[in-house]
Structures are given as C-alpha cells and as structure tokens.
PDB file of all heavy atoms in Angstrom:
ATOM      1  N   ARG A   1      -2.255  -6.237  -0.703  1.00  0.00           N
ATOM      2  CA  ARG A   1      -3.262  -7.207  -0.320  1.00  0.00           C
ATOM      3  C   ARG A   1      -4.016  -7.671  -1.552  1.00  0.00           C
ATOM      4  O   ARG A   1      -4.089  -6.962  -2.559  1.00  0.00           O
ATOM      5  CB  ARG A   1      -4.233  -6.641   0.716  1.00  0.00           C
ATOM      6  CG  ARG A   1      -5.180  -5.568   0.186  1.00  0.00           C
ATOM      7  CD  ARG A   1      -6.043  -5.026   1.310  1.00  0.00           C
ATOM      8  NE  ARG A   1      -7.064  -4.121   0.814  1.00  0.00           N
ATOM      9  CZ  ARG A   1      -7.887  -3.438   1.582  1.00  0.00           C
ATOM     10  NH1 ARG A   1      -7.816  -3.553   2.917  1.00  0.00           N
ATOM     11  NH2 ARG A   1      -8.798  -2.635   1.050  1.00  0.00           N
ATOM     12  N   GLN A   2      -4.561  -8.863  -1.456  1.00  0.00           N
ATOM     13  CA  GLN A   2      -5.342  -9.434  -2.538  1.00  0.00           C
ATOM     14  C   GLN A   2      -6.542 -10.156  -1.950  1.00  0.00           C
ATOM     15  O   GLN A   2      -6.392 -11.156  -1.249  1.00  0.00           O
ATOM     16  CB  GLN A   2      -4.502 -10.393  -3.380  1.00  0.00           C
ATOM     17  CG  GLN A   2      -5.219 -10.875  -4.630  1.00  0.00           C
ATOM     18  CD  GLN A   2      -4.274 -11.546  -5.609  1.00  0.00           C
ATOM     19  OE1 GLN A   2      -3.194 -11.988  -5.241  1.00  0.00           O
ATOM     20  NE2 GLN A   2      -4.677 -11.600  -6.864  1.00  0.00           N
ATOM     21  N   ALA A   3      -7.710  -9.624  -2.234  1.00  0.00           N
ATOM     22  CA  ALA A   3      -8.951 -10.232  -1.801  1.00  0.00           C
ATOM     23  C   ALA A   3      -9.391 -11.273  -2.827  1.00  0.00           C
ATOM     24  O   ALA A   3      -8.971 -11.232  -3.987  1.00  0.00           O
ATOM     25  CB  ALA A   3     -10.029  -9.171  -1.624  1.00  0.00           C
ATOM     26  N   PRO A   4     -10.247 -12.207  -2.423  1.00  0.00           N
ATOM     27  CA  PRO A   4     -10.736 -13.205  -3.380  1.00  0.00           C
ATOM     28  C   PRO A   4     -11.389 -12.547  -4.594  1.00  0.00           C
ATOM     29  O   PRO A   4     -12.237 -11.665  -4.453  1.00  0.00           O
ATOM     30  CB  PRO A   4     -11.752 -14.000  -2.567  1.00  0.00           C
ATOM     31  CG  PRO A   4     -11.304 -13.849  -1.149  1.00  0.00           C
ATOM     32  CD  PRO A   4     -10.762 -12.451  -1.061  1.00  0.00           C
ATOM     33  N   GLY A   5     -10.975 -12.961  -5.773  1.00  0.00           N
ATOM     34  CA  GLY A   5     -11.539 -12.432  -6.997  1.00  0.00           C
ATOM     35  C   GLY A   5     -11.068 -11.050  -7.381  1.00  0.00           C
ATOM     36  O   GLY A   5     -11.572 -10.489  -8.361  1.00  0.00           O
ATOM     37  N   ALA A   6     -10.139 -10.492  -6.637  1.00  0.00           N
ATOM     38  CA  ALA A   6      -9.649  -9.144  -6.894  1.00  0.00           C
ATOM     39  C   ALA A   6      -8.179  -9.160  -7.269  1.00  0.00           C
ATOM     40  O   ALA A   6      -7.471 -10.154  -7.067  1.00  0.00           O
ATOM     41  CB  ALA A   6      -9.867  -8.260  -5.667  1.00  0.00           C
ATOM     42  N   GLU A   7      -7.735  -8.056  -7.817  1.00  0.00           N
ATOM     43  CA  GLU A   7      -6.326  -7.898  -8.131  1.00  0.00           C
ATOM     44  C   GLU A   7      -5.543  -7.515  -6.885  1.00  0.00           C
ATOM     45  O   GLU A   7      -6.083  -6.930  -5.944  1.00  0.00           O
ATOM     46  CB  GLU A   7      -6.141  -6.832  -9.208  1.00  0.00           C
ATOM     47  CG  GLU A   7      -6.800  -7.161 -10.538  1.00  0.00           C
ATOM     48  CD  GLU A   7      -6.181  -8.377 -11.181  1.00  0.00           C
ATOM     49  OE1 GLU A   7      -4.942  -8.508 -11.158  1.00  0.00           O
ATOM     50  OE2 GLU A   7      -6.936  -9.205 -11.710  1.00  0.00           O
ATOM     51  N   ARG A   8      -4.280  -7.829  -6.889  1.00  0.00           N
ATOM     52  CA  ARG A   8      -3.414  -7.405  -5.806  1.00  0.00           C
ATOM     53  C   ARG A   8      -3.262  -5.887  -5.846  1.00  0.00           C
ATOM     54  O   ARG A   8      -3.041  -5.306  -6.912  1.00  0.00           O
ATOM     55  CB  ARG A   8      -2.055  -8.090  -5.926  1.00  0.00           C
ATOM     56  CG  ARG A   8      -1.187  -7.949  -4.697  1.00  0.00           C
ATOM     57  CD  ARG A   8       0.066  -8.820  -4.781  1.00  0.00           C
ATOM     58  NE  ARG A   8      -0.266 -10.241  -4.877  1.00  0.00           N
ATOM     59  CZ  ARG A   8       0.624 -11.216  -4.790  1.00  0.00           C
ATOM     60  NH1 ARG A   8       1.908 -10.944  -4.589  1.00  0.00           N
ATOM     61  NH2 ARG A   8       0.233 -12.476  -4.903  1.00  0.00           N
ATOM     62  N   GLU A   9      -3.388  -5.250  -4.693  1.00  0.00           N
ATOM     63  CA  GLU A   9      -3.339  -3.809  -4.633  1.00  0.00           C
ATOM     64  C   GLU A   9      -2.412  -3.340  -3.524  1.00  0.00           C
ATOM     65  O   GLU A   9      -2.272  -3.994  -2.488  1.00  0.00           O
ATOM     66  CB  GLU A   9      -4.744  -3.219  -4.425  1.00  0.00           C
ATOM     67  CG  GLU A   9      -5.408  -3.638  -3.130  1.00  0.00           C
ATOM     68  CD  GLU A   9      -6.806  -3.068  -2.965  1.00  0.00           C
ATOM     69  OE1 GLU A   9      -7.166  -2.128  -3.696  1.00  0.00           O
ATOM     70  OE2 GLU A   9      -7.551  -3.566  -2.092  1.00  0.00           O
ATOM     71  N   LEU A  10      -1.817  -2.193  -3.751  1.00  0.00           N
ATOM     72  CA  LEU A  10      -0.922  -1.607  -2.770  1.00  0.00           C
ATOM     73  C   LEU A  10      -1.702  -1.143  -1.554  1.00  0.00           C
ATOM     74  O   LEU A  10      -2.749  -0.509  -1.670  1.00  0.00           O
ATOM     75  CB  LEU A  10      -0.181  -0.417  -3.383  1.00  0.00           C
ATOM     76  CG  LEU A  10       0.738   0.359  -2.437  1.00  0.00           C
ATOM     77  CD1 LEU A  10       1.972  -0.458  -2.089  1.00  0.00           C
ATOM     78  CD2 LEU A  10       1.140   1.687  -3.067  1.00  0.00           C
ATOM     79  N   VAL A  11      -1.178  -1.440  -0.375  1.00  0.00           N
ATOM     80  CA  VAL A  11      -1.701  -0.916   0.876  1.00  0.00           C
ATOM     81  C   VAL A  11      -0.841   0.251   1.356  1.00  0.00           C
ATOM     82  O   VAL A  11      -1.361   1.325   1.676  1.00  0.00           O
ATOM     83  CB  VAL A  11      -1.774  -2.005   1.954  1.00  0.00           C
ATOM     84  CG1 VAL A  11      -2.286  -1.427   3.269  1.00  0.00           C
ATOM     85  CG2 VAL A  11      -2.657  -3.156   1.496  1.00  0.00           C
ATOM     86  N   ALA A  12       0.466   0.048   1.414  1.00  0.00           N
ATOM     87  CA  ALA A  12       1.372   1.074   1.906  1.00  0.00           C
ATOM     88  C   ALA A  12       2.793   0.712   1.534  1.00  0.00           C
ATOM     89  O   ALA A  12       3.106  -0.455   1.296  1.00  0.00           O
ATOM     90  CB  ALA A  12       1.262   1.230   3.427  1.00  0.00           C
ATOM     91  N   TYR A  13       3.653   1.723   1.512  1.00  0.00           N
ATOM     92  CA  TYR A  13       5.073   1.458   1.385  1.00  0.00           C
ATOM     93  C   TYR A  13       5.859   2.446   2.223  1.00  0.00           C
ATOM     94  O   TYR A  13       5.357   3.502   2.609  1.00  0.00           O
ATOM     95  CB  TYR A  13       5.550   1.460  -0.076  1.00  0.00           C
ATOM     96  CG  TYR A  13       5.599   2.804  -0.782  1.00  0.00           C
ATOM     97  CD1 TYR A  13       6.618   3.718  -0.527  1.00  0.00           C
ATOM     98  CD2 TYR A  13       4.647   3.131  -1.746  1.00  0.00           C
ATOM     99  CE1 TYR A  13       6.669   4.934  -1.194  1.00  0.00           C
ATOM    100  CE2 TYR A  13       4.701   4.341  -2.414  1.00  0.00           C
ATOM    101  CZ  TYR A  13       5.719   5.240  -2.138  1.00  0.00           C
ATOM    102  OH  TYR A  13       5.768   6.440  -2.806  1.00  0.00           O
ATOM    103  N   ILE A  14       7.097   2.083   2.482  1.00  0.00           N
ATOM    104  CA  ILE A  14       8.012   2.934   3.229  1.00  0.00           C
ATOM    105  C   ILE A  14       9.398   2.808   2.620  1.00  0.00           C
ATOM    106  O   ILE A  14       9.865   1.709   2.323  1.00  0.00           O
ATOM    107  CB  ILE A  14       8.014   2.585   4.733  1.00  0.00           C
ATOM    108  CG1 ILE A  14       8.943   3.513   5.517  1.00  0.00           C
ATOM    109  CG2 ILE A  14       8.381   1.121   4.966  1.00  0.00           C
ATOM    110  CD1 ILE A  14       8.765   3.403   7.023  1.00  0.00           C
ATOM    111  N   SER A  15      10.063   3.926   2.442  1.00  0.00           N
ATOM    112  CA  SER A  15      11.416   3.948   1.918  1.00  0.00           C
ATOM    113  C   SER A  15      12.419   3.953   3.066  1.00  0.00           C
ATOM    114  O   SER A  15      12.368   4.825   3.939  1.00  0.00           O
ATOM    115  CB  SER A  15      11.644   5.177   1.042  1.00  0.00           C
ATOM    116  OG  SER A  15      13.015   5.309   0.717  1.00  0.00           O
ATOM    117  N   GLY A  16      13.334   3.000   3.048  1.00  0.00           N
ATOM    118  CA  GLY A  16      14.375   2.976   4.051  1.00  0.00           C
ATOM    119  C   GLY A  16      15.405   4.071   3.880  1.00  0.00           C
ATOM    120  O   GLY A  16      16.138   4.378   4.823  1.00  0.00           O
ATOM    121  N   VAL A  17      15.485   4.672   2.700  1.00  0.00           N
ATOM    122  CA  VAL A  17      16.450   5.727   2.427  1.00  0.00           C
ATOM    123  C   VAL A  17      15.879   7.091   2.794  1.00  0.00           C
ATOM    124  O   VAL A  17      16.502   7.857   3.537  1.00  0.00           O
ATOM    125  CB  VAL A  17      16.882   5.709   0.950  1.00  0.00           C
ATOM    126  CG1 VAL A  17      17.808   6.886   0.650  1.00  0.00           C
ATOM    127  CG2 VAL A  17      17.559   4.393   0.623  1.00  0.00           C
ATOM    128  N   SER A  18      14.713   7.413   2.277  1.00  0.00           N
ATOM    129  CA  SER A  18      14.128   8.727   2.488  1.00  0.00           C
ATOM    130  C   SER A  18      13.192   8.793   3.682  1.00  0.00           C
ATOM    131  O   SER A  18      12.916   9.882   4.186  1.00  0.00           O
ATOM    132  CB  SER A  18      13.369   9.173   1.238  1.00  0.00           C
ATOM    133  OG  SER A  18      12.191   8.409   1.067  1.00  0.00           O
ATOM    134  N   GLY A  19      12.674   7.660   4.112  1.00  0.00           N
ATOM    135  CA  GLY A  19      11.668   7.646   5.152  1.00  0.00           C
ATOM    136  C   GLY A  19      10.262   7.913   4.658  1.00  0.00           C
ATOM    137  O   GLY A  19       9.315   7.889   5.452  1.00  0.00           O
ATOM    138  N   LYS A  20      10.111   8.169   3.380  1.00  0.00           N
ATOM    139  CA  LYS A  20       8.793   8.470   2.833  1.00  0.00           C
ATOM    140  C   LYS A  20       7.860   7.286   2.988  1.00  0.00           C
ATOM    141  O   LYS A  20       8.240   6.143   2.756  1.00  0.00           O
ATOM    142  CB  LYS A  20       8.904   8.847   1.353  1.00  0.00           C
ATOM    143  CG  LYS A  20       7.574   9.141   0.693  1.00  0.00           C
ATOM    144  CD  LYS A  20       7.743   9.460  -0.779  1.00  0.00           C
ATOM    145  CE  LYS A  20       6.410   9.691  -1.449  1.00  0.00           C
ATOM    146  NZ  LYS A  20       6.567   9.997  -2.888  1.00  0.00           N
ATOM    147  N   THR A  21       6.647   7.583   3.383  1.00  0.00           N
ATOM    148  CA  THR A  21       5.590   6.592   3.427  1.00  0.00           C
ATOM    149  C   THR A  21       4.463   7.012   2.508  1.00  0.00           C
ATOM    150  O   THR A  21       4.240   8.197   2.255  1.00  0.00           O
ATOM    151  CB  THR A  21       5.051   6.397   4.850  1.00  0.00           C
ATOM    152  OG1 THR A  21       4.541   7.639   5.342  1.00  0.00           O
ATOM    153  CG2 THR A  21       6.147   5.897   5.781  1.00  0.00           C
ATOM    154  N   GLN A  22       3.753   6.036   2.019  1.00  0.00           N
ATOM    155  CA  GLN A  22       2.613   6.280   1.151  1.00  0.00           C
ATOM    156  C   GLN A  22       1.562   5.233   1.453  1.00  0.00           C
ATOM    157  O   GLN A  22       1.878   4.055   1.656  1.00  0.00           O
ATOM    158  CB  GLN A  22       3.021   6.219  -0.320  1.00  0.00           C
ATOM    159  CG  GLN A  22       1.896   6.537  -1.301  1.00  0.00           C
ATOM    160  CD  GLN A  22       1.546   8.005  -1.324  1.00  0.00           C
ATOM    161  OE1 GLN A  22       2.404   8.867  -1.227  1.00  0.00           O
ATOM    162  NE2 GLN A  22       0.260   8.290  -1.446  1.00  0.00           N
ATOM    163  N   TYR A  23       0.308   5.671   1.469  1.00  0.00           N
ATOM    164  CA  TYR A  23      -0.800   4.784   1.775  1.00  0.00           C
ATOM    165  C   TYR A  23      -1.844   4.852   0.683  1.00  0.00           C
ATOM    166  O   TYR A  23      -2.069   5.902   0.076  1.00  0.00           O
ATOM    167  CB  TYR A  23      -1.450   5.166   3.106  1.00  0.00           C
ATOM    168  CG  TYR A  23      -0.535   5.030   4.293  1.00  0.00           C
ATOM    169  CD1 TYR A  23       0.248   6.092   4.720  1.00  0.00           C
ATOM    170  CD2 TYR A  23      -0.448   3.829   4.991  1.00  0.00           C
ATOM    171  CE1 TYR A  23       1.094   5.970   5.811  1.00  0.00           C
ATOM    172  CE2 TYR A  23       0.398   3.695   6.079  1.00  0.00           C
ATOM    173  CZ  TYR A  23       1.160   4.763   6.485  1.00  0.00           C
ATOM    174  OH  TYR A  23       1.995   4.636   7.571  1.00  0.00           O
ATOM    175  N   ALA A  24      -2.495   3.732   0.453  1.00  0.00           N
ATOM    176  CA  ALA A  24      -3.640   3.725  -0.432  1.00  0.00           C
ATOM    177  C   ALA A  24      -4.761   4.562   0.164  1.00  0.00           C
ATOM    178  O   ALA A  24      -4.861   4.720   1.384  1.00  0.00           O
ATOM    179  CB  ALA A  24      -4.130   2.289  -0.650  1.00  0.00           C
ATOM    180  N   GLU A  25      -5.606   5.107  -0.715  1.00  0.00           N
ATOM    181  CA  GLU A  25      -6.690   5.955  -0.236  1.00  0.00           C
ATOM    182  C   GLU A  25      -7.623   5.228   0.720  1.00  0.00           C
ATOM    183  O   GLU A  25      -8.150   5.841   1.652  1.00  0.00           O
ATOM    184  CB  GLU A  25      -7.479   6.511  -1.423  1.00  0.00           C
ATOM    185  CG  GLU A  25      -6.720   7.550  -2.228  1.00  0.00           C
ATOM    186  CD  GLU A  25      -7.581   8.207  -3.284  1.00  0.00           C
ATOM    187  OE1 GLU A  25      -8.758   7.803  -3.435  1.00  0.00           O
ATOM    188  OE2 GLU A  25      -7.096   9.117  -3.967  1.00  0.00           O
ATOM    189  N   PHE A  26      -7.825   3.934   0.504  1.00  0.00           N
ATOM    190  CA  PHE A  26      -8.765   3.225   1.361  1.00  0.00           C
ATOM    191  C   PHE A  26      -8.267   3.074   2.790  1.00  0.00           C
ATOM    192  O   PHE A  26      -9.054   2.721   3.672  1.00  0.00           O
ATOM    193  CB  PHE A  26      -9.099   1.848   0.769  1.00  0.00           C
ATOM    194  CG  PHE A  26      -7.946   0.893   0.661  1.00  0.00           C
ATOM    195  CD1 PHE A  26      -7.440   0.249   1.782  1.00  0.00           C
ATOM    196  CD2 PHE A  26      -7.378   0.613  -0.571  1.00  0.00           C
ATOM    197  CE1 PHE A  26      -6.390  -0.643   1.691  1.00  0.00           C
ATOM    198  CE2 PHE A  26      -6.320  -0.282  -0.682  1.00  0.00           C
ATOM    199  CZ  PHE A  26      -5.828  -0.907   0.457  1.00  0.00           C
ATOM    200  N   VAL A  27      -6.986   3.337   3.036  1.00  0.00           N
ATOM    201  CA  VAL A  27      -6.460   3.231   4.392  1.00  0.00           C
ATOM    202  C   VAL A  27      -7.098   4.262   5.320  1.00  0.00           C
ATOM    203  O   VAL A  27      -7.402   3.961   6.485  1.00  0.00           O
ATOM    204  CB  VAL A  27      -4.931   3.370   4.369  1.00  0.00           C
ATOM    205  CG1 VAL A  27      -4.377   3.567   5.782  1.00  0.00           C
ATOM    206  CG2 VAL A  27      -4.305   2.148   3.719  1.00  0.00           C
ATOM    207  N   GLU A  28      -7.260   5.468   4.831  1.00  0.00           N
ATOM    208  CA  GLU A  28      -7.954   6.537   5.565  1.00  0.00           C
ATOM    209  C   GLU A  28      -7.414   6.716   6.981  1.00  0.00           C
ATOM    210  O   GLU A  28      -8.179   6.797   7.945  1.00  0.00           O
ATOM    211  CB  GLU A  28      -9.457   6.266   5.584  1.00  0.00           C
ATOM    212  CG  GLU A  28     -10.080   6.252   4.204  1.00  0.00           C
ATOM    213  CD  GLU A  28     -11.559   5.942   4.234  1.00  0.00           C
ATOM    214  OE1 GLU A  28     -12.073   5.484   5.274  1.00  0.00           O
ATOM    215  OE2 GLU A  28     -12.217   6.172   3.196  1.00  0.00           O
TER     216      GLU A  28
END
C-alpha cells in the first residue's frame, strides 16, 4: 500500500509453493 506522501510498504505476502504468509506489523 502507498498512502499520500508516503513510501510504498508491504502489507502481506503469500507463497504459492510453501504456503508461507507474512504480514506487516501494523496489520496486528
């Protein structure tokens, strides 16, 4: 995501191979 005036930042990802998911801390 990218808010006005901010850098683009990761929210989450998911691997189709391993199934691993990862979330940014702000997701909580």
